[in-house]
Amino acid sequence: MIADTFTTRQYSLAHSSYALYYRDQQLHVLDVMRGALKAGGRCAIFTTNCPHGLVDLAARFSEIPPEVEGPLRFGPTVLRSYFEKNFVRYDVHNFHNVVTVPSTDILIEFYRQTTYYDASTEEKIRAVVDDEVKRSGNYQYEKNGYLIIGFVEA
């Protein structure tokens, strides 16, 4: 596709953030990205990572769809294995983020927009978040990221 679409066919960086795990044929996409790199080029993929506190909270009360669970493990499983086999070297960076939500209503509104929203669990989640907001003034949860950067031979 790159050779057919773009006049530039070799790149110093191929990058994807929060996208690759939604694609079919993920390994083929990675092969195309790697194949388009110049000597000494880098391939950088950023993805979500466990733990994800909002998903974990929802999972206490309902089943989380596989299309949500899979991406949370994509970096340490699929990407790491691929990069070990296909790059001369790779670096992994784990990002630890804490999301602070000031009110239950805000968290519930955010939860309603997720792909794993289950209306039947909303009141249970509301109760947990209400308790924490009353106790500490906000609700916090982890939302982590995984960045892997592979290097091709110079």
N, C-alpha and C. Protein backbone atom coordinates (compact mmCIF):
# COMPACT_ATOMS: atom_id res chain seq x y z
N MET A 1 0.81 -1.19 0.00
CA MET A 1 0.00 0.00 0.00
C MET A 1 0.86 1.26 0.00
N ILE A 2 1.90 1.29 0.82
CA ILE A 2 2.75 2.48 0.90
C ILE A 2 3.37 2.76 -0.46
N ALA A 3 3.89 1.73 -1.11
CA ALA A 3 4.53 1.91 -2.42
C ALA A 3 3.53 2.36 -3.48
N ASP A 4 2.29 1.97 -3.33
CA ASP A 4 1.27 2.34 -4.31
C ASP A 4 0.65 3.71 -4.06
N THR A 5 0.74 4.20 -2.84
CA THR A 5 0.02 5.41 -2.46
C THR A 5 0.91 6.64 -2.33
N PHE A 6 2.11 6.47 -1.79
CA PHE A 6 2.95 7.61 -1.45
C PHE A 6 4.18 7.67 -2.35
N THR A 7 4.62 8.89 -2.66
CA THR A 7 5.84 9.03 -3.45
C THR A 7 7.06 8.71 -2.61
N THR A 8 7.02 9.04 -1.33
CA THR A 8 8.09 8.65 -0.41
C THR A 8 7.80 7.24 0.04
N ARG A 9 8.78 6.36 -0.08
CA ARG A 9 8.54 4.96 0.23
C ARG A 9 9.35 4.46 1.42
N GLN A 10 10.29 5.25 1.88
CA GLN A 10 11.12 4.86 3.02
C GLN A 10 11.08 5.98 4.06
N TYR A 11 10.92 5.59 5.30
CA TYR A 11 10.71 6.55 6.38
C TYR A 11 11.66 6.28 7.53
N SER A 12 11.95 7.32 8.29
CA SER A 12 12.79 7.15 9.47
C SER A 12 11.95 6.76 10.68
N LEU A 13 10.63 6.97 10.60
CA LEU A 13 9.74 6.62 11.71
C LEU A 13 8.40 6.14 11.18
N ALA A 14 7.96 5.01 11.69
CA ALA A 14 6.59 4.53 11.47
C ALA A 14 5.95 4.50 12.85
N HIS A 15 4.74 5.08 12.97
CA HIS A 15 4.15 5.29 14.29
C HIS A 15 2.66 4.98 14.28
N SER A 16 2.18 4.41 15.38
CA SER A 16 0.76 4.19 15.58
C SER A 16 0.44 4.39 17.06
N SER A 17 -0.62 5.13 17.33
CA SER A 17 -1.08 5.32 18.72
C SER A 17 -2.55 4.94 18.82
N TYR A 18 -2.84 4.07 19.76
CA TYR A 18 -4.22 3.67 20.06
C TYR A 18 -4.99 3.21 18.83
N ALA A 19 -4.36 2.53 17.90
CA ALA A 19 -5.06 2.17 16.68
C ALA A 19 -4.81 0.74 16.22
N LEU A 20 -3.58 0.29 16.26
CA LEU A 20 -3.21 -0.96 15.63
C LEU A 20 -4.01 -2.15 16.15
N TYR A 21 -4.33 -2.16 17.43
CA TYR A 21 -5.04 -3.31 17.99
C TYR A 21 -6.48 -3.41 17.49
N TYR A 22 -6.98 -2.40 16.81
CA TYR A 22 -8.32 -2.47 16.22
C TYR A 22 -8.31 -3.07 14.81
N ARG A 23 -7.15 -3.24 14.24
CA ARG A 23 -7.01 -3.71 12.85
C ARG A 23 -7.05 -5.24 12.78
N ASP A 24 -7.57 -5.72 11.68
CA ASP A 24 -7.37 -7.11 11.32
C ASP A 24 -5.94 -7.21 10.80
N GLN A 25 -5.40 -8.38 10.80
CA GLN A 25 -4.07 -8.62 10.25
C GLN A 25 -3.01 -7.70 10.86
N GLN A 26 -3.00 -7.64 12.17
CA GLN A 26 -2.08 -6.74 12.88
C GLN A 26 -0.62 -7.02 12.52
N LEU A 27 -0.25 -8.29 12.43
CA LEU A 27 1.15 -8.61 12.12
C LEU A 27 1.51 -8.19 10.70
N HIS A 28 0.58 -8.29 9.80
CA HIS A 28 0.83 -7.83 8.43
C HIS A 28 1.05 -6.31 8.42
N VAL A 29 0.24 -5.59 9.16
CA VAL A 29 0.40 -4.13 9.26
C VAL A 29 1.78 -3.80 9.83
N LEU A 30 2.19 -4.52 10.86
CA LEU A 30 3.52 -4.30 11.43
C LEU A 30 4.62 -4.61 10.41
N ASP A 31 4.43 -5.69 9.64
CA ASP A 31 5.41 -6.01 8.59
C ASP A 31 5.52 -4.88 7.56
N VAL A 32 4.39 -4.31 7.17
CA VAL A 32 4.39 -3.20 6.20
C VAL A 32 5.08 -1.98 6.81
N MET A 33 4.77 -1.68 8.05
CA MET A 33 5.41 -0.54 8.72
C MET A 33 6.92 -0.75 8.79
N ARG A 34 7.34 -1.92 9.22
CA ARG A 34 8.77 -2.23 9.35
C ARG A 34 9.44 -2.19 7.98
N GLY A 35 8.77 -2.72 6.97
CA GLY A 35 9.33 -2.75 5.63
C GLY A 35 9.50 -1.38 5.00
N ALA A 36 8.80 -0.38 5.51
CA ALA A 36 8.88 0.97 4.96
C ALA A 36 9.94 1.82 5.66
N LEU A 37 10.67 1.22 6.60
CA LEU A 37 11.67 1.99 7.35
C LEU A 37 13.00 2.05 6.62
N LYS A 38 13.63 3.21 6.68
CA LYS A 38 15.01 3.38 6.21
C LYS A 38 15.95 2.63 7.15
N ALA A 39 17.16 2.41 6.71
CA ALA A 39 18.19 1.86 7.59
C ALA A 39 18.32 2.78 8.81
N GLY A 40 18.32 2.21 9.99
CA GLY A 40 18.40 2.99 11.22
C GLY A 40 17.06 3.56 11.66
N GLY A 41 15.99 3.24 10.96
CA GLY A 41 14.67 3.77 11.29
C GLY A 41 14.06 3.13 12.53
N ARG A 42 12.97 3.73 12.97
CA ARG A 42 12.29 3.26 14.18
C ARG A 42 10.81 3.04 13.91
N CYS A 43 10.27 2.06 14.61
CA CYS A 43 8.84 1.80 14.59
C CYS A 43 8.35 1.96 16.02
N ALA A 44 7.41 2.88 16.24
CA ALA A 44 6.92 3.18 17.59
C ALA A 44 5.42 2.92 17.64
N ILE A 45 5.02 2.09 18.60
CA ILE A 45 3.61 1.77 18.77
C ILE A 45 3.22 2.09 20.21
N PHE A 46 2.17 2.89 20.37
CA PHE A 46 1.65 3.21 21.69
C PHE A 46 0.27 2.60 21.81
N THR A 47 0.03 1.95 22.94
CA THR A 47 -1.24 1.27 23.16
C THR A 47 -1.64 1.38 24.63
N THR A 48 -2.88 1.11 24.90
CA THR A 48 -3.35 1.07 26.27
C THR A 48 -2.75 -0.14 26.97
N ASN A 49 -2.78 -0.16 28.29
CA ASN A 49 -2.15 -1.24 29.03
C ASN A 49 -2.87 -1.44 30.37
N CYS A 50 -2.74 -2.62 30.91
CA CYS A 50 -3.30 -2.92 32.23
C CYS A 50 -2.41 -2.32 33.32
N PRO A 51 -2.94 -2.01 34.45
CA PRO A 51 -4.37 -2.02 34.74
C PRO A 51 -5.07 -0.79 34.19
N HIS A 52 -6.34 -0.93 33.92
CA HIS A 52 -7.20 0.18 33.49
C HIS A 52 -8.35 0.21 34.50
N GLY A 53 -8.29 1.15 35.39
CA GLY A 53 -9.19 1.18 36.53
C GLY A 53 -10.66 1.26 36.21
N LEU A 54 -11.04 1.97 35.15
CA LEU A 54 -12.45 2.06 34.81
C LEU A 54 -12.96 0.73 34.27
N VAL A 55 -12.16 0.08 33.46
CA VAL A 55 -12.52 -1.25 32.97
C VAL A 55 -12.60 -2.22 34.15
N ASP A 56 -11.63 -2.13 35.05
CA ASP A 56 -11.63 -3.01 36.22
C ASP A 56 -12.87 -2.78 37.10
N LEU A 57 -13.26 -1.53 37.26
CA LEU A 57 -14.46 -1.22 38.04
C LEU A 57 -15.69 -1.81 37.37
N ALA A 58 -15.82 -1.61 36.08
CA ALA A 58 -16.97 -2.16 35.35
C ALA A 58 -16.99 -3.68 35.40
N ALA A 59 -15.82 -4.30 35.37
CA ALA A 59 -15.71 -5.77 35.39
C ALA A 59 -16.18 -6.37 36.72
N ARG A 60 -16.22 -5.57 37.75
CA ARG A 60 -16.74 -6.06 39.03
C ARG A 60 -18.23 -6.37 38.95
N PHE A 61 -18.92 -5.77 37.97
CA PHE A 61 -20.37 -5.87 37.90
C PHE A 61 -20.90 -6.44 36.58
N SER A 62 -20.05 -6.54 35.57
CA SER A 62 -20.50 -7.09 34.29
C SER A 62 -19.31 -7.67 33.53
N GLU A 63 -19.62 -8.43 32.51
CA GLU A 63 -18.59 -9.02 31.67
C GLU A 63 -18.07 -7.97 30.69
N ILE A 64 -16.76 -7.91 30.57
CA ILE A 64 -16.13 -6.97 29.65
C ILE A 64 -15.93 -7.70 28.31
N PRO A 65 -16.35 -7.09 27.21
CA PRO A 65 -16.21 -7.75 25.90
C PRO A 65 -14.74 -8.03 25.55
N PRO A 66 -14.49 -9.12 24.84
CA PRO A 66 -13.11 -9.45 24.45
C PRO A 66 -12.44 -8.34 23.63
N GLU A 67 -13.22 -7.60 22.85
CA GLU A 67 -12.61 -6.53 22.05
C GLU A 67 -12.12 -5.37 22.91
N VAL A 68 -12.50 -5.36 24.18
CA VAL A 68 -11.96 -4.38 25.13
C VAL A 68 -10.78 -4.99 25.87
N GLU A 69 -10.91 -6.21 26.32
CA GLU A 69 -9.85 -6.89 27.07
C GLU A 69 -8.59 -7.09 26.23
N GLY A 70 -8.76 -7.50 24.97
CA GLY A 70 -7.61 -7.79 24.11
C GLY A 70 -6.64 -6.63 23.97
N PRO A 71 -7.10 -5.44 23.64
CA PRO A 71 -6.19 -4.31 23.51
C PRO A 71 -5.41 -3.98 24.79
N LEU A 72 -5.97 -4.29 25.94
CA LEU A 72 -5.27 -4.01 27.20
C LEU A 72 -4.02 -4.87 27.38
N ARG A 73 -3.95 -5.96 26.67
CA ARG A 73 -2.81 -6.87 26.76
C ARG A 73 -1.99 -6.93 25.47
N PHE A 74 -2.37 -6.14 24.50
CA PHE A 74 -1.76 -6.15 23.18
C PHE A 74 -0.26 -5.84 23.21
N GLY A 75 0.12 -4.83 23.97
CA GLY A 75 1.53 -4.43 24.02
C GLY A 75 2.44 -5.51 24.57
N PRO A 76 2.20 -5.94 25.82
CA PRO A 76 3.10 -6.93 26.41
C PRO A 76 3.06 -8.31 25.76
N THR A 77 2.01 -8.61 25.03
CA THR A 77 1.91 -9.94 24.42
C THR A 77 2.28 -9.87 22.94
N VAL A 78 1.42 -9.36 22.12
CA VAL A 78 1.62 -9.37 20.67
C VAL A 78 2.80 -8.50 20.26
N LEU A 79 2.83 -7.26 20.70
CA LEU A 79 3.88 -6.34 20.25
C LEU A 79 5.26 -6.77 20.72
N ARG A 80 5.39 -7.07 22.00
CA ARG A 80 6.72 -7.43 22.52
C ARG A 80 7.29 -8.64 21.78
N SER A 81 6.48 -9.65 21.57
CA SER A 81 6.93 -10.84 20.85
C SER A 81 7.37 -10.49 19.42
N TYR A 82 6.57 -9.69 18.74
CA TYR A 82 6.90 -9.28 17.38
C TYR A 82 8.20 -8.49 17.34
N PHE A 83 8.35 -7.54 18.23
CA PHE A 83 9.53 -6.67 18.23
C PHE A 83 10.79 -7.47 18.59
N GLU A 84 10.67 -8.44 19.49
CA GLU A 84 11.81 -9.30 19.83
C GLU A 84 12.33 -10.03 18.60
N LYS A 85 11.43 -10.47 17.76
CA LYS A 85 11.79 -11.27 16.59
C LYS A 85 12.22 -10.43 15.38
N ASN A 86 11.77 -9.19 15.29
CA ASN A 86 11.90 -8.45 14.03
C ASN A 86 12.73 -7.18 14.07
N PHE A 87 13.25 -6.81 15.21
CA PHE A 87 14.06 -5.60 15.30
C PHE A 87 15.40 -5.93 15.96
N VAL A 88 16.43 -5.18 15.60
CA VAL A 88 17.75 -5.44 16.19
C VAL A 88 17.77 -5.05 17.66
N ARG A 89 16.89 -4.15 18.02
CA ARG A 89 16.77 -3.73 19.42
C ARG A 89 15.42 -3.07 19.59
N TYR A 90 14.93 -3.09 20.82
CA TYR A 90 13.68 -2.39 21.10
C TYR A 90 13.69 -1.88 22.53
N ASP A 91 12.96 -0.81 22.76
CA ASP A 91 12.80 -0.23 24.09
C ASP A 91 11.32 -0.25 24.44
N VAL A 92 11.02 -0.49 25.70
CA VAL A 92 9.65 -0.47 26.20
C VAL A 92 9.55 0.61 27.27
N HIS A 93 8.50 1.40 27.16
CA HIS A 93 8.22 2.44 28.16
C HIS A 93 6.80 2.22 28.67
N ASN A 94 6.68 2.04 29.97
CA ASN A 94 5.37 1.88 30.59
C ASN A 94 4.97 3.21 31.22
N PHE A 95 3.78 3.65 30.88
CA PHE A 95 3.27 4.92 31.39
C PHE A 95 2.20 4.64 32.44
N HIS A 96 2.39 5.21 33.60
CA HIS A 96 1.43 5.06 34.69
C HIS A 96 0.69 6.40 34.83
N ASN A 97 -0.59 6.38 34.56
CA ASN A 97 -1.41 7.59 34.64
C ASN A 97 -2.53 7.37 35.63
N VAL A 98 -2.82 8.40 36.39
CA VAL A 98 -3.95 8.37 37.30
C VAL A 98 -4.94 9.44 36.84
N VAL A 99 -6.15 9.00 36.55
CA VAL A 99 -7.22 9.91 36.14
C VAL A 99 -7.98 10.28 37.41
N THR A 100 -8.16 11.57 37.63
CA THR A 100 -8.91 12.05 38.78
C THR A 100 -10.21 12.67 38.29
N VAL A 101 -11.30 12.14 38.80
CA VAL A 101 -12.63 12.61 38.41
C VAL A 101 -13.27 13.26 39.63
N PRO A 102 -13.74 14.51 39.52
CA PRO A 102 -14.23 15.22 40.70
C PRO A 102 -15.63 14.85 41.17
N SER A 103 -16.40 14.15 40.32
CA SER A 103 -17.76 13.83 40.73
C SER A 103 -18.23 12.51 40.10
N THR A 104 -19.19 11.91 40.75
CA THR A 104 -19.76 10.67 40.23
C THR A 104 -20.44 10.90 38.89
N ASP A 105 -21.16 12.00 38.75
CA ASP A 105 -21.86 12.26 37.50
C ASP A 105 -20.91 12.32 36.31
N ILE A 106 -19.75 12.92 36.50
CA ILE A 106 -18.77 13.01 35.42
C ILE A 106 -18.25 11.62 35.07
N LEU A 107 -17.94 10.82 36.07
CA LEU A 107 -17.46 9.48 35.79
C LEU A 107 -18.53 8.66 35.08
N ILE A 108 -19.77 8.73 35.52
CA ILE A 108 -20.85 7.98 34.89
C ILE A 108 -21.06 8.43 33.45
N GLU A 109 -20.98 9.71 33.20
CA GLU A 109 -21.12 10.20 31.83
C GLU A 109 -19.99 9.65 30.94
N PHE A 110 -18.80 9.63 31.49
CA PHE A 110 -17.68 9.06 30.75
C PHE A 110 -17.90 7.57 30.51
N TYR A 111 -18.30 6.84 31.54
CA TYR A 111 -18.56 5.41 31.43
C TYR A 111 -19.62 5.12 30.35
N ARG A 112 -20.62 5.95 30.26
CA ARG A 112 -21.68 5.76 29.25
C ARG A 112 -21.14 5.82 27.83
N GLN A 113 -20.01 6.46 27.64
CA GLN A 113 -19.43 6.61 26.30
C GLN A 113 -18.48 5.47 25.93
N THR A 114 -18.25 4.56 26.84
CA THR A 114 -17.30 3.48 26.57
C THR A 114 -17.94 2.36 25.75
N THR A 115 -17.11 1.52 25.17
CA THR A 115 -17.60 0.37 24.41
C THR A 115 -18.05 -0.77 25.32
N TYR A 116 -17.78 -0.66 26.60
CA TYR A 116 -18.15 -1.72 27.54
C TYR A 116 -19.27 -1.28 28.50
N TYR A 117 -19.93 -0.18 28.18
CA TYR A 117 -21.03 0.32 29.02
C TYR A 117 -22.14 -0.72 29.11
N ASP A 118 -22.62 -0.91 30.33
CA ASP A 118 -23.74 -1.82 30.60
C ASP A 118 -24.68 -1.07 31.53
N ALA A 119 -25.83 -0.66 31.02
CA ALA A 119 -26.78 0.15 31.79
C ALA A 119 -27.21 -0.54 33.08
N SER A 120 -27.23 -1.86 33.07
CA SER A 120 -27.69 -2.58 34.27
C SER A 120 -26.72 -2.47 35.43
N THR A 121 -25.51 -2.01 35.18
CA THR A 121 -24.51 -1.89 36.25
C THR A 121 -24.32 -0.46 36.74
N GLU A 122 -24.98 0.47 36.09
CA GLU A 122 -24.71 1.88 36.38
C GLU A 122 -24.92 2.24 37.85
N GLU A 123 -25.99 1.78 38.45
CA GLU A 123 -26.25 2.13 39.85
C GLU A 123 -25.22 1.53 40.80
N LYS A 124 -24.75 0.34 40.50
CA LYS A 124 -23.71 -0.28 41.33
C LYS A 124 -22.40 0.50 41.22
N ILE A 125 -22.06 0.88 40.02
CA ILE A 125 -20.85 1.69 39.82
C ILE A 125 -21.02 3.04 40.48
N ARG A 126 -22.18 3.64 40.32
CA ARG A 126 -22.46 4.93 40.96
C ARG A 126 -22.26 4.84 42.48
N ALA A 127 -22.71 3.76 43.10
CA ALA A 127 -22.58 3.60 44.56
C ALA A 127 -21.11 3.54 44.98
N VAL A 128 -20.30 2.79 44.23
CA VAL A 128 -18.87 2.68 44.55
C VAL A 128 -18.20 4.04 44.42
N VAL A 129 -18.48 4.72 43.34
CA VAL A 129 -17.84 6.02 43.09
C VAL A 129 -18.34 7.06 44.09
N ASP A 130 -19.64 7.07 44.38
CA ASP A 130 -20.19 7.99 45.39
C ASP A 130 -19.47 7.84 46.71
N ASP A 131 -19.27 6.60 47.14
CA ASP A 131 -18.58 6.35 48.42
C ASP A 131 -17.18 6.95 48.43
N GLU A 132 -16.46 6.76 47.33
CA GLU A 132 -15.09 7.27 47.26
C GLU A 132 -15.07 8.80 47.17
N VAL A 133 -15.98 9.39 46.41
CA VAL A 133 -16.04 10.85 46.29
C VAL A 133 -16.38 11.47 47.66
N LYS A 134 -17.30 10.85 48.37
CA LYS A 134 -17.64 11.36 49.72
C LYS A 134 -16.46 11.23 50.67
N ARG A 135 -15.70 10.14 50.55
CA ARG A 135 -14.57 9.90 51.45
C ARG A 135 -13.38 10.80 51.14
N SER A 136 -13.04 10.94 49.84
CA SER A 136 -11.80 11.63 49.50
C SER A 136 -11.97 12.90 48.65
N GLY A 137 -13.19 13.16 48.18
CA GLY A 137 -13.41 14.36 47.38
C GLY A 137 -13.30 14.15 45.88
N ASN A 138 -12.89 12.95 45.47
CA ASN A 138 -12.80 12.63 44.04
C ASN A 138 -12.72 11.12 43.89
N TYR A 139 -12.73 10.68 42.63
CA TYR A 139 -12.53 9.26 42.32
C TYR A 139 -11.33 9.17 41.40
N GLN A 140 -10.39 8.31 41.73
CA GLN A 140 -9.19 8.15 40.92
C GLN A 140 -9.10 6.71 40.41
N TYR A 141 -8.61 6.59 39.17
CA TYR A 141 -8.34 5.25 38.64
C TYR A 141 -7.15 5.31 37.70
N GLU A 142 -6.49 4.17 37.57
CA GLU A 142 -5.34 4.08 36.68
C GLU A 142 -5.79 3.91 35.24
N LYS A 143 -5.07 4.56 34.36
CA LYS A 143 -5.25 4.36 32.91
C LYS A 143 -3.84 4.41 32.32
N ASN A 144 -3.30 3.23 32.08
CA ASN A 144 -1.90 3.12 31.74
C ASN A 144 -1.65 2.94 30.25
N GLY A 145 -0.42 3.21 29.85
CA GLY A 145 -0.03 3.09 28.46
C GLY A 145 1.25 2.29 28.30
N TYR A 146 1.45 1.80 27.09
CA TYR A 146 2.60 0.96 26.75
C TYR A 146 3.16 1.46 25.42
N LEU A 147 4.41 1.86 25.43
CA LEU A 147 5.08 2.33 24.22
C LEU A 147 6.26 1.40 23.95
N ILE A 148 6.29 0.86 22.74
CA ILE A 148 7.42 0.04 22.32
C ILE A 148 8.01 0.66 21.07
N ILE A 149 9.32 0.77 21.05
CA ILE A 149 10.03 1.36 19.92
C ILE A 149 11.06 0.37 19.42
N GLY A 150 10.91 -0.05 18.18
CA GLY A 150 11.85 -0.98 17.58
C GLY A 150 12.77 -0.26 16.62
N PHE A 151 14.02 -0.72 16.56
CA PHE A 151 15.04 -0.10 15.74
C PHE A 151 15.51 -1.10 14.68
N VAL A 152 15.57 -0.64 13.43
CA VAL A 152 16.12 -1.49 12.37
C VAL A 152 17.61 -1.21 12.24
N GLU A 153 18.31 -2.14 11.66
CA GLU A 153 19.75 -1.99 11.52
C GLU A 153 20.11 -0.75 10.71
N ALA A 154 21.13 -0.06 11.16
CA ALA A 154 21.58 1.18 10.48
C ALA A 154 22.36 0.84 9.22
